[in-house]
């Protein structure tokens, strides 16, 4: 029954003409390739790392490509996703649990883990080609893009 509802919803969203193209037997191969690409490119929204479960949250609003650091931090706090050094180090210690699908596609931002010199930088956990590493991101440069994610512990 859920499948029938899903198909009905898809037909309603696409409209009859596009839906008929989608379900045409002539397009089976192309539809399969497209569905496989969607599944491959879909990023998880919840991860469990070292026994801790986190929601992965974006902070951009519709139509935004980037925001400034202070906006990013304020939105992280609004979502209760302003984690600090403990969680950042936990991710690094248990990085083998981070889904491979996230490697090179996201940067984890820990807005409450600040650089000790007071320079207005926050800690990030970034993919470095073969492992996750801790790096620093500047809050004053205004380039916090959609690949950055904040985490909220469940």
Foldseek 3Di string as FASTA:
>chain_A
DVVVVVLVVVCVVVDVVVSCVLPDPVCVVVNVVVVVVCVLQDDDQWFAFPNWIKGWDFQDDPPDFFFFLVSSCVSCVVVQQQAEDVVVVSCQVRVVRHDPSLAPQAKEWRNHHDDPVPQQWTWIWHHDPPGTDIDIDHRGPGGGGRRYITIHID
